[in-house]
Amino acid sequence: MELSANEVLVIEDGLVSESSDIAGADVELDADGQFLMPGFIDAHVHFRLATLNFAKLSQWTEVQFGIAMAKLSRETLARGFTTVRDLGGDVIGLKRAIRAGMAQGPDIVQANLMITQTGGHGDVESGVLPVPDCACQMRHSAFGIVADGPDAVRKAARHVLRAGADFLKIHVSGGVATPMDPLDCTQYTAGEIQAAVAEANNRKTYVAAHAYTPEAIQLAVRNGVKCIEHGNLIDEETAEVMVEHDAWLVPTLVTYLGMASEGRKLGFPERNLVKNEAVLASGIESLAIADKAGVKMGWGTDLIGEIQSMQRQEFAVRSKAQSAKSILHAMYVMNPIILHKADSIGRLRPGMVGDVVFTTINPLENIAGLANDDAAWFFSILFFAASVGGRIWAERRHPGLMAERTHSLEASDVKAWDKILAPLMALSISFPLVIVAGLDHRFGWSSVFPIWLNITGILLIAVGYAFGVWALAENRYFSSMVRIQTDRGHVVCDSGPYRVVRHPGYAGNLLAILGIVLALDSTWTLIPVGFALVVTVIRTALEDRTLQDELPGYREYTSHVSYRLFPGVY
């Protein structure tokens, strides 16, 4: 996996051209300073599973499914995923709509209906069911076919392949998202698996199997299954069996993180959350075991409904156990093989599909950063709005305030201690956080945060900056240095945020930098944040004492507003 510098890429009729002549191009994009990557490829998605609220899902009409799936596919494409493999559920209509231009979305390779045993992972019907009249009787839904016995499995496989499936999907162990099957149970017999494999082989394709446990994985692989999905409970012996049979593995680690952080509030059943904890804990370890054994691995997510927005977080999760080159190899080398598209996707070479992702992140140096591109941009927008927009607003309200802030260091009455603390404080709340966060993502020091913590962080940044800007705009004496501005008629400001705390500007800064820790997934930024907190508290105490001693009316103001930074705390 290599990077080429200063290249001209010409795409004509959707394919990469051999020519580098851009004369007469319909569209010309300047990617100076950016990295161009082939479109992202996700080898395990579920568009039909359009919400984590399975009770609601069971009541949807096909119109509701269509609307929801079209939304998910559009959002998937917007995240840079131009080709996906759908692992179960009827998405033929969605695939046709995208090809016809009726909906936006990625190119879809699909398994159509999953094939499962009674009470298996794909048996989605709940409640008591009537006893079947015969062993050959099958049930089906928009997600899968319940088939027991080799003959029934063979019939189901032929039906699914006739409907247009590109490969077959079966289940050989329990799963997280279904209610009836224990996680560690083994599903299907050797004869049933062989029936599916024979039908797939006849169509020159393969069988993919949902499997977690070593027993289930070995049963599947020894009977001809080519691709194992998930594999969270794999052990060293099983990894060696997979290598021996040249079987593929598609880990999907981010989905368990998403279900753990968002599942309960989105209606994911409690019993399913308990099962999720078991596979979440073993995810990284399974990846390391497979990687060490040399198992050929693809790149997938298996996210459901609302948490599909976490799709790119898989980059960050996998960076805890794999190098950037290994992760990119999984996406751009193995995924095209798994999707039977090795001759058309995964490379930006002449004749291949011209799907391109632009990013400011060097994927070989900071693969985890691909998961946080949006957060970084959002943080930059908030910072720009607060720093520039806030100053414009404050200057309009109080002409001359920006001049005071710019030249206050030159004033003769600035406190000597503040000539040290003010620059130290300004430095501590800016560059060290960005530098440490960058190093953290580069070397993968921190674990990936749940998405609810990222969202909380963004909200804290927004609230903190807003509170600080409000203070700046409210107080016409908001100088950058501690001094009593007798030359400007300095009086106490007790309105706006100053009714809540005595130093709202500092309070806003502290809220924002705590939010940066959460939004940028960096536990290590707590070190510069801790330093900034110490400097801020010291400066606040010295400034507050100065104002009480030297600014008329301030001591009385403190009797009405008791806290310096945070009500009830300090």
Protein backbone atom coordinates (compact mmCIF):
# COMPACT_ATOMS: atom_id res chain seq x y z
CA MET A 1 0.00 0.00 0.00
CA GLU A 2 1.72 3.18 -1.22
CA LEU A 3 1.02 6.86 -1.75
CA SER A 4 1.82 8.66 -5.00
CA ALA A 5 2.50 12.39 -4.85
CA ASN A 6 1.29 15.14 -7.18
CA GLU A 7 -0.76 12.93 -9.49
CA VAL A 8 -3.41 13.99 -12.00
CA LEU A 9 -6.41 11.67 -11.93
CA VAL A 10 -8.81 11.74 -14.87
CA ILE A 11 -12.16 9.98 -14.58
CA GLU A 12 -14.15 9.46 -17.76
CA ASP A 13 -17.55 7.78 -17.93
CA GLY A 14 -17.13 6.60 -14.34
CA LEU A 15 -13.77 4.89 -14.94
CA VAL A 16 -10.18 5.96 -14.29
CA SER A 17 -8.65 7.06 -17.58
CA GLU A 18 -5.14 6.33 -18.84
CA SER A 19 -4.90 9.95 -19.94
CA SER A 20 -3.72 12.77 -17.69
CA ASP A 21 -5.02 15.46 -20.04
CA ILE A 22 -7.58 17.61 -18.24
CA ALA A 23 -8.27 19.95 -21.15
CA GLY A 24 -11.99 20.18 -21.76
CA ALA A 25 -12.89 18.44 -18.48
CA ASP A 26 -16.50 18.94 -17.38
CA VAL A 27 -15.43 19.25 -13.75
CA GLU A 28 -11.98 20.05 -12.40
CA LEU A 29 -11.20 19.63 -8.68
CA ASP A 30 -8.06 20.98 -7.01
CA ALA A 31 -7.01 18.43 -4.37
CA ASP A 32 -3.83 20.25 -3.38
CA GLY A 33 -2.81 19.24 0.16
CA GLN A 34 -5.32 16.38 0.27
CA PHE A 35 -5.16 12.61 -0.05
CA LEU A 36 -7.18 10.74 -2.66
CA MET A 37 -8.34 7.24 -1.79
CA PRO A 38 -10.52 4.75 -3.66
CA GLY A 39 -14.11 4.80 -2.45
CA PHE A 40 -14.52 3.06 0.91
CA ILE A 41 -15.78 -0.55 0.82
CA ASP A 42 -17.85 -2.06 3.64
CA ALA A 43 -18.12 -5.87 3.44
CA HIS A 44 -20.88 -6.22 6.04
CA VAL A 45 -23.94 -3.93 6.08
CA HIS A 46 -27.67 -4.41 6.71
CA PHE A 47 -29.91 -1.87 4.96
CA ARG A 48 -33.04 -3.92 5.68
CA LEU A 49 -32.32 -3.73 9.43
CA ALA A 50 -33.19 -0.04 9.36
CA THR A 51 -33.72 0.54 13.11
CA LEU A 52 -32.54 -0.92 16.41
CA ASN A 53 -36.12 -0.83 17.64
CA PHE A 54 -37.08 -4.32 16.51
CA ALA A 55 -40.63 -4.02 17.85
CA LYS A 56 -41.18 -1.08 15.52
CA LEU A 57 -39.34 -2.81 12.68
CA SER A 58 -41.74 -5.76 12.81
CA GLN A 59 -44.70 -3.44 12.16
CA TRP A 60 -43.31 -1.56 9.16
CA THR A 61 -44.87 -1.74 5.71
CA GLU A 62 -42.74 -2.06 2.58
CA VAL A 63 -43.21 1.66 1.93
CA GLN A 64 -41.71 2.47 5.32
CA PHE A 65 -38.85 0.04 4.69
CA GLY A 66 -38.20 1.64 1.31
CA ILE A 67 -38.06 5.15 2.70
CA ALA A 68 -35.81 4.14 5.60
CA MET A 69 -33.44 2.07 3.45
CA ALA A 70 -33.12 4.85 0.87
CA LYS A 71 -32.14 7.24 3.66
CA LEU A 72 -29.53 4.82 5.04
CA SER A 73 -28.04 4.18 1.61
CA ARG A 74 -27.79 7.91 0.86
CA GLU A 75 -26.03 8.54 4.17
CA THR A 76 -23.68 5.59 3.56
CA LEU A 77 -22.60 7.09 0.26
CA ALA A 78 -22.12 10.51 1.88
CA ARG A 79 -19.67 8.92 4.35
CA GLY A 80 -17.51 7.83 1.41
CA PHE A 81 -18.67 4.21 1.09
CA THR A 82 -19.21 3.60 -2.60
CA THR A 83 -19.44 -0.22 -2.55
CA VAL A 84 -21.00 -2.44 0.15
CA ARG A 85 -21.90 -6.09 0.73
CA ASP A 86 -25.35 -6.51 2.29
CA LEU A 87 -25.49 -9.61 4.49
CA GLY A 88 -29.17 -10.36 4.75
CA GLY A 89 -32.61 -9.03 4.01
CA ASP A 90 -34.39 -8.22 0.79
CA VAL A 91 -32.67 -5.18 -0.78
CA ILE A 92 -33.34 -6.02 -4.43
CA GLY A 93 -35.70 -3.04 -4.73
CA LEU A 94 -33.14 -0.67 -3.21
CA LYS A 95 -30.43 -1.97 -5.52
CA ARG A 96 -32.67 -1.42 -8.57
CA ALA A 97 -33.69 2.06 -7.40
CA ILE A 98 -30.04 3.12 -7.03
CA ARG A 99 -29.14 1.79 -10.48
CA ALA A 100 -32.15 3.56 -12.00
CA GLY A 101 -31.23 6.87 -10.38
CA MET A 102 -34.35 6.87 -8.19
CA ALA A 103 -32.25 6.76 -5.00
CA GLN A 104 -28.69 7.60 -4.05
CA GLY A 105 -26.43 4.97 -2.60
CA PRO A 106 -23.44 2.69 -3.04
CA ASP A 107 -23.08 -0.24 -5.40
CA ILE A 108 -24.58 -3.21 -3.49
CA VAL A 109 -23.42 -6.82 -3.53
CA GLN A 110 -26.08 -8.76 -1.63
CA ALA A 111 -26.98 -12.08 -0.05
CA ASN A 112 -30.71 -11.45 -0.31
CA LEU A 113 -32.57 -13.52 2.32
CA MET A 114 -30.51 -15.12 5.07
CA ILE A 115 -30.92 -18.88 5.60
CA THR A 116 -31.29 -20.11 9.16
CA GLN A 117 -32.61 -22.98 11.26
CA THR A 118 -35.68 -22.87 13.50
CA GLY A 119 -34.69 -20.88 16.57
CA GLY A 120 -31.49 -19.74 14.83
CA HIS A 121 -29.99 -16.29 14.55
CA GLY A 122 -32.04 -15.46 11.47
CA ASP A 123 -35.35 -16.68 12.96
CA VAL A 124 -36.72 -13.21 13.72
CA GLU A 125 -40.32 -14.07 14.58
CA SER A 126 -41.12 -13.74 18.27
CA GLY A 127 -43.76 -15.40 20.41
CA VAL A 128 -45.33 -18.85 20.20
CA LEU A 129 -45.59 -20.40 16.73
CA PRO A 130 -47.73 -23.38 15.63
CA VAL A 131 -46.00 -26.73 15.35
CA PRO A 132 -44.97 -27.38 11.71
CA ASP A 133 -47.00 -29.95 9.79
CA CYS A 134 -43.87 -31.55 8.33
CA ALA A 135 -40.07 -31.33 8.45
CA CYS A 136 -40.06 -29.75 5.00
CA GLN A 137 -42.15 -26.76 6.04
CA MET A 138 -40.33 -23.42 5.76
CA ARG A 139 -41.09 -19.93 7.06
CA HIS A 140 -39.84 -16.65 5.67
CA SER A 141 -39.80 -12.90 6.27
CA ALA A 142 -38.24 -9.91 4.55
CA PHE A 143 -35.01 -10.83 6.37
CA GLY A 144 -34.58 -14.57 5.89
CA ILE A 145 -35.84 -18.10 5.33
CA VAL A 146 -36.14 -20.63 8.16
CA ALA A 147 -35.17 -24.01 6.70
CA ASP A 148 -34.39 -27.25 8.56
CA GLY A 149 -32.68 -30.27 7.03
CA PRO A 150 -30.42 -30.55 3.95
CA ASP A 151 -33.30 -30.69 1.47
CA ALA A 152 -34.98 -27.59 2.90
CA VAL A 153 -31.66 -25.72 3.01
CA ARG A 154 -31.02 -26.72 -0.62
CA LYS A 155 -34.47 -25.44 -1.65
CA ALA A 156 -33.95 -22.18 0.24
CA ALA A 157 -30.50 -21.69 -1.30
CA ARG A 158 -31.86 -22.22 -4.82
CA HIS A 159 -34.70 -19.79 -4.16
CA VAL A 160 -32.35 -17.08 -2.89
CA LEU A 161 -29.92 -17.53 -5.77
CA ARG A 162 -32.81 -17.39 -8.23
CA ALA A 163 -33.88 -14.08 -6.67
CA GLY A 164 -30.50 -12.59 -7.54
CA ALA A 165 -28.29 -13.22 -4.51
CA ASP A 166 -24.58 -12.77 -5.26
CA PHE A 167 -23.66 -15.28 -2.52
CA LEU A 168 -25.37 -17.16 0.32
CA LYS A 169 -25.57 -16.19 4.00
CA ILE A 170 -26.24 -18.83 6.70
CA HIS A 171 -26.01 -18.83 10.50
CA VAL A 172 -24.02 -21.41 12.45
CA SER A 173 -24.00 -19.85 15.91
CA GLY A 174 -26.13 -17.71 18.17
CA GLY A 175 -26.18 -13.96 17.72
CA VAL A 176 -26.65 -10.65 19.51
CA ALA A 177 -29.65 -9.25 17.65
CA THR A 178 -32.10 -12.16 17.90
CA PRO A 179 -34.03 -13.24 21.02
CA MET A 180 -34.29 -17.03 20.74
CA ASP A 181 -30.71 -18.27 20.41
CA PRO A 182 -28.03 -18.39 23.12
CA LEU A 183 -24.80 -16.78 21.96
CA ASP A 184 -22.71 -19.94 22.39
CA CYS A 185 -25.07 -22.41 20.68
CA THR A 186 -24.07 -24.12 17.44
CA GLN A 187 -26.57 -24.01 14.57
CA TYR A 188 -26.96 -26.24 11.52
CA THR A 189 -25.39 -29.65 10.99
CA ALA A 190 -22.61 -30.62 8.62
CA GLY A 191 -25.15 -31.99 6.13
CA GLU A 192 -27.18 -28.77 6.09
CA ILE A 193 -24.06 -26.63 5.63
CA GLN A 194 -22.82 -28.89 2.83
CA ALA A 195 -26.15 -28.52 1.03
CA ALA A 196 -25.80 -24.72 0.98
CA VAL A 197 -22.14 -24.93 -0.05
CA ALA A 198 -22.95 -27.29 -2.94
CA GLU A 199 -25.58 -24.89 -4.31
CA ALA A 200 -23.23 -21.92 -3.98
CA ASN A 201 -20.44 -23.82 -5.73
CA ASN A 202 -22.80 -24.69 -8.58
CA ARG A 203 -23.39 -20.94 -9.06
CA LYS A 204 -19.63 -20.22 -8.89
CA THR A 205 -20.04 -18.28 -5.66
CA TYR A 206 -19.61 -19.01 -1.94
CA VAL A 207 -21.30 -19.25 1.45
CA ALA A 208 -20.75 -16.70 4.22
CA ALA A 209 -21.59 -17.80 7.76
CA HIS A 210 -22.43 -15.81 10.85
CA ALA A 211 -20.30 -17.41 13.60
CA TYR A 212 -18.80 -16.43 16.94
CA THR A 213 -17.57 -19.56 18.74
CA PRO A 214 -14.61 -21.78 17.82
CA GLU A 215 -16.92 -24.80 17.47
CA ALA A 216 -19.24 -23.03 15.06
CA ILE A 217 -16.42 -21.51 13.01
CA GLN A 218 -14.64 -24.86 12.62
CA LEU A 219 -17.89 -26.65 11.73
CA ALA A 220 -18.56 -24.11 8.99
CA VAL A 221 -15.04 -23.95 7.56
CA ARG A 222 -14.49 -27.73 7.56
CA ASN A 223 -17.71 -28.13 5.56
CA GLY A 224 -16.88 -25.64 2.84
CA VAL A 225 -17.93 -22.20 4.11
CA LYS A 226 -15.60 -19.62 2.58
CA CYS A 227 -16.26 -16.52 4.68
CA ILE A 228 -16.83 -16.19 8.43
CA GLU A 229 -18.64 -13.08 9.66
CA HIS A 230 -17.66 -11.63 13.08
CA GLY A 231 -15.61 -14.42 14.74
CA ASN A 232 -15.33 -12.57 18.05
CA LEU A 233 -14.70 -15.69 20.14
CA ILE A 234 -12.10 -17.24 17.83
CA ASP A 235 -9.10 -18.99 19.40
CA GLU A 236 -5.62 -19.84 18.08
CA GLU A 237 -6.55 -23.37 16.97
CA THR A 238 -9.57 -22.12 15.04
CA ALA A 239 -7.55 -19.38 13.38
CA GLU A 240 -5.12 -22.05 12.16
CA VAL A 241 -8.04 -24.08 10.77
CA MET A 242 -9.21 -21.03 8.83
CA VAL A 243 -5.74 -20.53 7.38
CA GLU A 244 -5.54 -24.22 6.46
CA HIS A 245 -8.84 -24.01 4.53
CA ASP A 246 -8.05 -20.57 3.03
CA ALA A 247 -11.20 -19.13 4.61
CA TRP A 248 -11.84 -15.41 4.98
CA LEU A 249 -12.86 -13.50 8.10
CA VAL A 250 -14.83 -10.24 8.16
CA PRO A 251 -14.57 -8.75 11.67
CA THR A 252 -17.24 -6.18 12.55
CA LEU A 253 -16.11 -4.59 15.81
CA VAL A 254 -17.74 -1.17 15.79
CA THR A 255 -21.30 -2.55 15.83
CA TYR A 256 -20.89 -3.87 19.38
CA LEU A 257 -19.58 -0.51 20.51
CA GLY A 258 -22.58 1.16 18.90
CA MET A 259 -25.13 -1.19 20.42
CA ALA A 260 -23.54 -0.80 23.85
CA SER A 261 -23.59 2.99 23.74
CA GLU A 262 -26.85 3.67 21.89
CA GLY A 263 -28.91 0.46 22.02
CA ARG A 264 -30.89 0.96 25.20
CA LYS A 265 -32.20 4.42 24.39
CA LEU A 266 -33.06 3.33 20.84
CA GLY A 267 -35.20 0.44 22.06
CA PHE A 268 -32.73 -2.45 21.66
CA PRO A 269 -34.03 -5.24 23.95
CA GLU A 270 -32.27 -5.72 27.31
CA ARG A 271 -31.58 -9.44 26.73
CA ASN A 272 -29.80 -8.55 23.51
CA LEU A 273 -27.67 -5.94 25.28
CA VAL A 274 -26.47 -8.64 27.70
CA LYS A 275 -25.31 -10.81 24.79
CA ASN A 276 -23.67 -7.79 23.19
CA GLU A 277 -21.42 -7.30 26.22
CA ALA A 278 -19.93 -10.78 25.78
CA VAL A 279 -18.75 -10.20 22.21
CA LEU A 280 -17.78 -6.56 22.78
CA ALA A 281 -15.18 -7.54 25.36
CA SER A 282 -13.47 -10.08 23.08
CA GLY A 283 -13.48 -8.09 19.86
CA ILE A 284 -9.96 -6.63 19.80
CA GLU A 285 -8.43 -9.86 21.09
CA SER A 286 -10.07 -11.88 18.30
CA LEU A 287 -8.67 -9.47 15.74
CA ALA A 288 -5.17 -9.86 17.15
CA ILE A 289 -5.44 -13.67 17.17
CA ALA A 290 -6.58 -13.80 13.54
CA ASP A 291 -3.99 -11.27 12.44
CA LYS A 292 -1.16 -13.19 14.11
CA ALA A 293 -2.24 -16.46 12.49
CA GLY A 294 -2.36 -14.88 9.04
CA VAL A 295 -6.11 -15.21 8.49
CA LYS A 296 -7.22 -13.27 5.41
CA MET A 297 -9.47 -10.51 6.72
CA GLY A 298 -11.89 -8.09 5.14
CA TRP A 299 -13.34 -4.87 6.55
CA GLY A 300 -16.97 -4.63 7.71
CA THR A 301 -19.20 -2.93 10.26
CA ASP A 302 -22.57 -4.76 10.68
CA LEU A 303 -24.16 -1.59 12.05
CA ILE A 304 -27.93 -1.47 12.41
CA GLY A 305 -30.27 1.41 11.72
CA GLU A 306 -29.53 4.55 13.69
CA ILE A 307 -25.96 3.57 14.61
CA GLN A 308 -24.87 3.22 10.98
CA SER A 309 -23.57 6.77 11.36
CA MET A 310 -20.63 5.18 13.24
CA GLN A 311 -19.47 3.38 10.09
CA ARG A 312 -16.05 5.02 9.80
CA GLN A 313 -15.35 4.39 13.49
CA GLU A 314 -14.30 0.88 12.46
CA PHE A 315 -11.01 2.42 11.28
CA ALA A 316 -10.28 3.64 14.81
CA VAL A 317 -11.39 0.43 16.54
CA ARG A 318 -9.23 -1.76 14.32
CA SER A 319 -6.21 0.51 14.75
CA LYS A 320 -5.96 -0.84 18.32
CA ALA A 321 -4.79 -4.21 16.99
CA GLN A 322 -3.69 -3.67 13.38
CA SER A 323 -1.35 -1.43 11.44
CA ALA A 324 -2.68 1.10 8.95
CA LYS A 325 -1.37 -1.02 6.06
CA SER A 326 -3.17 -4.11 7.35
CA ILE A 327 -6.45 -2.20 7.71
CA LEU A 328 -6.17 -0.68 4.23
CA HIS A 329 -5.24 -4.10 2.81
CA ALA A 330 -8.45 -5.50 4.35
CA MET A 331 -10.55 -2.80 2.71
CA TYR A 332 -8.85 -2.38 -0.65
CA VAL A 333 -7.41 -5.83 -1.38
CA MET A 334 -9.50 -8.40 0.51
CA ASN A 335 -12.89 -6.67 0.28
CA PRO A 336 -12.82 -6.53 -3.55
CA ILE A 337 -11.98 -10.25 -3.58
CA ILE A 338 -14.82 -11.03 -1.14
CA LEU A 339 -17.23 -8.95 -3.24
CA HIS A 340 -16.06 -10.58 -6.52
CA LYS A 341 -14.97 -7.15 -7.78
CA ALA A 342 -11.17 -7.35 -7.60
CA ASP A 343 -10.89 -6.24 -11.23
CA SER A 344 -12.95 -3.07 -10.78
CA ILE A 345 -12.63 -1.54 -7.28
CA GLY A 346 -10.00 -0.94 -4.62
CA ARG A 347 -7.41 0.79 -6.83
CA LEU A 348 -7.26 4.07 -8.72
CA ARG A 349 -5.83 2.53 -11.88
CA PRO A 350 -6.87 2.89 -15.54
CA GLY A 351 -10.03 0.96 -16.31
CA MET A 352 -11.13 0.67 -12.66
CA VAL A 353 -14.17 2.40 -11.15
CA GLY A 354 -13.48 6.07 -10.51
CA ASP A 355 -14.98 6.29 -7.01
CA VAL A 356 -12.77 8.66 -5.01
CA VAL A 357 -12.66 9.88 -1.41
CA PHE A 358 -10.91 13.17 -0.59
CA THR A 359 -9.42 13.59 2.88
CA THR A 360 -6.92 15.85 4.63
CA ILE A 361 -5.75 12.86 6.70
CA ASN A 362 -2.77 10.73 5.67
CA PRO A 363 -4.25 7.22 6.08
CA LEU A 364 -0.83 5.56 6.46
CA GLU A 365 0.11 7.84 9.34
CA ASN A 366 -3.27 8.30 11.03
CA ILE A 367 -5.73 5.61 9.99
CA ALA A 368 -7.85 6.23 13.10
CA GLY A 369 -8.26 9.84 12.03
CA LEU A 370 -10.51 8.73 9.17
CA ALA A 371 -13.13 8.05 11.83
CA ASN A 372 -12.97 11.56 13.21
CA ASP A 373 -12.85 13.77 10.15
CA ASP A 374 -16.32 15.16 10.85
CA ALA A 375 -15.56 15.85 14.52
CA ALA A 376 -12.37 17.69 13.59
CA TRP A 377 -14.19 19.85 11.03
CA PHE A 378 -17.04 20.51 13.46
CA PHE A 379 -14.56 21.53 16.16
CA SER A 380 -12.81 23.85 13.68
CA ILE A 381 -16.12 25.49 12.74
CA LEU A 382 -17.07 26.00 16.39
CA PHE A 383 -13.63 27.42 17.20
CA PHE A 384 -13.76 29.81 14.23
CA ALA A 385 -17.30 30.93 15.05
CA ALA A 386 -16.39 31.58 18.69
CA SER A 387 -13.05 33.29 18.12
CA VAL A 388 -13.96 35.44 15.11
CA GLY A 389 -17.72 35.77 15.39
CA GLY A 390 -17.54 36.46 19.13
CA ARG A 391 -15.02 39.25 18.69
CA ILE A 392 -17.06 40.89 15.94
CA TRP A 393 -20.16 40.80 18.15
CA ALA A 394 -18.28 42.17 21.18
CA GLU A 395 -16.69 45.01 19.18
CA ARG A 396 -20.06 46.06 17.79
CA ARG A 397 -21.48 46.23 21.32
CA HIS A 398 -18.42 47.84 22.87
CA PRO A 399 -16.29 49.76 20.36
CA GLY A 400 -12.65 49.85 21.47
CA LEU A 401 -12.77 46.56 23.40
CA MET A 402 -10.67 44.68 20.83
CA ALA A 403 -8.06 47.47 20.89
CA GLU A 404 -7.89 47.13 24.70
CA ARG A 405 -7.45 43.37 24.45
CA THR A 406 -4.78 43.74 21.77
CA HIS A 407 -2.67 46.33 23.61
CA SER A 408 -3.36 45.49 27.24
CA LEU A 409 0.02 43.81 27.73
CA GLU A 410 1.65 47.17 27.05
CA ALA A 411 -0.27 48.89 29.86
CA SER A 412 1.83 49.93 32.85
CA ASP A 413 -0.68 48.75 35.47
CA VAL A 414 -0.82 45.07 34.38
CA LYS A 415 -0.13 42.79 37.33
CA ALA A 416 3.36 41.27 37.21
CA TRP A 417 2.10 37.75 37.92
CA ASP A 418 -0.37 37.98 35.03
CA LYS A 419 2.40 38.65 32.53
CA ILE A 420 3.34 35.03 33.18
CA LEU A 421 -0.05 33.44 33.81
CA ALA A 422 -1.98 35.02 30.91
CA PRO A 423 0.28 33.69 28.11
CA LEU A 424 0.57 30.36 29.95
CA MET A 425 -3.21 30.07 30.16
CA ALA A 426 -3.70 31.02 26.51
CA LEU A 427 -1.15 28.42 25.47
CA SER A 428 -2.52 25.67 27.73
CA ILE A 429 -6.04 25.79 26.26
CA SER A 430 -4.94 25.60 22.62
CA PHE A 431 -1.91 23.97 21.00
CA PRO A 432 -1.06 21.27 23.58
CA LEU A 433 -4.57 19.78 23.25
CA VAL A 434 -4.34 19.56 19.47
CA ILE A 435 -0.80 18.18 19.53
CA VAL A 436 -1.56 15.52 22.15
CA ALA A 437 -4.81 14.51 20.41
CA GLY A 438 -2.93 14.18 17.11
CA LEU A 439 -0.22 12.01 18.68
CA ASP A 440 -2.89 9.97 20.46
CA HIS A 441 -4.64 9.15 17.18
CA ARG A 442 -1.35 8.60 15.39
CA PHE A 443 -0.17 5.95 17.87
CA GLY A 444 -3.57 4.68 19.06
CA TRP A 445 -3.02 5.32 22.78
CA SER A 446 -6.68 5.81 23.72
CA SER A 447 -9.64 3.49 23.32
CA VAL A 448 -12.42 4.61 21.01
CA PHE A 449 -15.13 6.51 22.90
CA PRO A 450 -18.83 5.62 22.57
CA ILE A 451 -20.64 7.92 20.16
CA TRP A 452 -22.73 9.41 22.97
CA LEU A 453 -19.51 10.71 24.56
CA ASN A 454 -18.47 12.27 21.22
CA ILE A 455 -21.84 13.99 20.97
CA THR A 456 -21.61 15.13 24.59
CA GLY A 457 -18.18 16.56 23.81
CA ILE A 458 -19.44 18.53 20.84
CA LEU A 459 -22.29 19.91 22.96
CA LEU A 460 -19.84 20.91 25.72
CA ILE A 461 -17.65 22.69 23.17
CA ALA A 462 -20.65 24.55 21.78
CA VAL A 463 -22.01 25.49 25.23
CA GLY A 464 -18.55 26.45 26.53
CA TYR A 465 -17.71 28.67 23.58
CA ALA A 466 -21.20 30.23 23.64
CA PHE A 467 -20.89 31.00 27.36
CA GLY A 468 -17.43 32.51 26.86
CA VAL A 469 -18.53 34.61 23.88
CA TRP A 470 -21.56 35.82 25.85
CA ALA A 471 -19.22 36.99 28.62
CA LEU A 472 -16.97 38.76 26.11
CA ALA A 473 -19.91 40.56 24.53
CA GLU A 474 -21.51 41.45 27.88
CA ASN A 475 -18.47 42.91 29.67
CA ARG A 476 -17.00 46.00 28.02
CA TYR A 477 -13.97 45.65 30.31
CA PHE A 478 -13.15 42.07 29.25
CA SER A 479 -9.41 42.63 28.90
CA SER A 480 -6.90 39.93 28.03
CA MET A 481 -4.73 40.98 31.00
CA VAL A 482 -5.62 41.57 34.65
CA ARG A 483 -5.64 45.31 35.36
CA ILE A 484 -8.06 47.91 36.73
CA GLN A 485 -8.96 49.95 33.65
CA THR A 486 -9.26 53.38 35.25
CA ASP A 487 -8.51 54.93 31.86
CA ARG A 488 -11.73 53.39 30.51
CA GLY A 489 -13.95 54.07 33.53
CA HIS A 490 -13.86 50.48 34.82
CA VAL A 491 -16.96 49.39 36.76
CA VAL A 492 -18.32 46.01 37.88
CA CYS A 493 -20.19 43.95 35.27
CA ASP A 494 -23.02 42.04 36.96
CA SER A 495 -25.32 41.28 34.01
CA GLY A 496 -25.68 38.38 31.59
CA PRO A 497 -23.50 35.37 32.49
CA TYR A 498 -21.97 37.40 35.34
CA ARG A 499 -25.20 36.80 37.23
CA VAL A 500 -24.27 33.08 37.29
CA VAL A 501 -20.52 33.07 38.03
CA ARG A 502 -17.90 35.79 38.50
CA HIS A 503 -15.55 34.61 35.72
CA PRO A 504 -17.77 33.15 32.96
CA GLY A 505 -15.10 33.54 30.27
CA TYR A 506 -12.78 31.15 32.08
CA ALA A 507 -15.67 28.79 32.87
CA GLY A 508 -16.61 28.64 29.20
CA ASN A 509 -13.04 27.80 28.22
CA LEU A 510 -12.89 24.93 30.71
CA LEU A 511 -16.18 23.47 29.48
CA ALA A 512 -14.95 23.67 25.89
CA ILE A 513 -11.60 21.97 26.49
CA LEU A 514 -13.32 19.17 28.42
CA GLY A 515 -15.59 18.77 25.40
CA ILE A 516 -12.52 18.54 23.13
CA VAL A 517 -11.32 15.52 25.13
CA LEU A 518 -14.62 13.72 24.45
CA ALA A 519 -15.19 14.89 20.88
CA LEU A 520 -11.71 13.93 19.68
CA ASP A 521 -11.55 10.51 21.38
CA SER A 522 -8.40 11.32 23.32
CA THR A 523 -7.99 10.33 26.96
CA TRP A 524 -4.41 11.61 26.90
CA THR A 525 -5.57 15.20 26.32
CA LEU A 526 -6.63 15.11 29.98
CA ILE A 527 -2.96 15.84 30.76
CA PRO A 528 -2.88 19.30 29.10
CA VAL A 529 -6.47 19.86 30.27
CA GLY A 530 -5.38 19.20 33.86
CA PHE A 531 -2.53 21.68 33.45
CA ALA A 532 -4.94 24.25 31.96
CA LEU A 533 -7.31 23.72 34.89
CA VAL A 534 -4.54 24.37 37.45
CA VAL A 535 -3.40 27.54 35.65
CA THR A 536 -7.00 28.75 35.29
CA VAL A 537 -7.83 28.20 38.97
CA ILE A 538 -4.66 30.02 40.10
CA ARG A 539 -5.27 32.94 37.76
CA THR A 540 -8.94 33.13 38.73
CA ALA A 541 -8.07 33.28 42.44
CA LEU A 542 -5.44 36.02 41.94
CA GLU A 543 -7.67 38.02 39.62
CA ASP A 544 -10.63 37.74 41.96
CA ARG A 545 -8.55 38.94 44.91
CA THR A 546 -7.25 41.89 42.84
CA LEU A 547 -10.78 42.92 41.85
CA GLN A 548 -12.02 42.71 45.44
CA ASP A 549 -9.12 44.86 46.68
CA GLU A 550 -9.03 47.45 43.90
CA LEU A 551 -12.31 47.65 41.97
CA PRO A 552 -15.05 49.62 43.77
CA GLY A 553 -18.24 47.59 44.23
CA TYR A 554 -16.71 44.22 43.40
CA ARG A 555 -16.59 42.95 46.98
CA GLU A 556 -20.31 43.68 47.33
CA TYR A 557 -20.90 41.88 44.00
CA THR A 558 -19.27 38.75 45.43
CA SER A 559 -21.88 38.64 48.18
CA HIS A 560 -24.57 38.22 45.48
CA VAL A 561 -22.63 35.90 43.13
CA SER A 562 -20.83 33.40 45.33
CA TYR A 563 -18.96 31.22 42.84
CA ARG A 564 -16.01 32.06 40.62
CA LEU A 565 -16.29 29.38 37.90
CA PHE A 566 -18.93 26.71 38.51
CA PRO A 567 -22.02 27.09 40.73
CA GLY A 568 -21.85 24.85 43.76
CA VAL A 569 -18.24 23.86 43.05
CA TYR A 570 -15.84 26.80 42.94
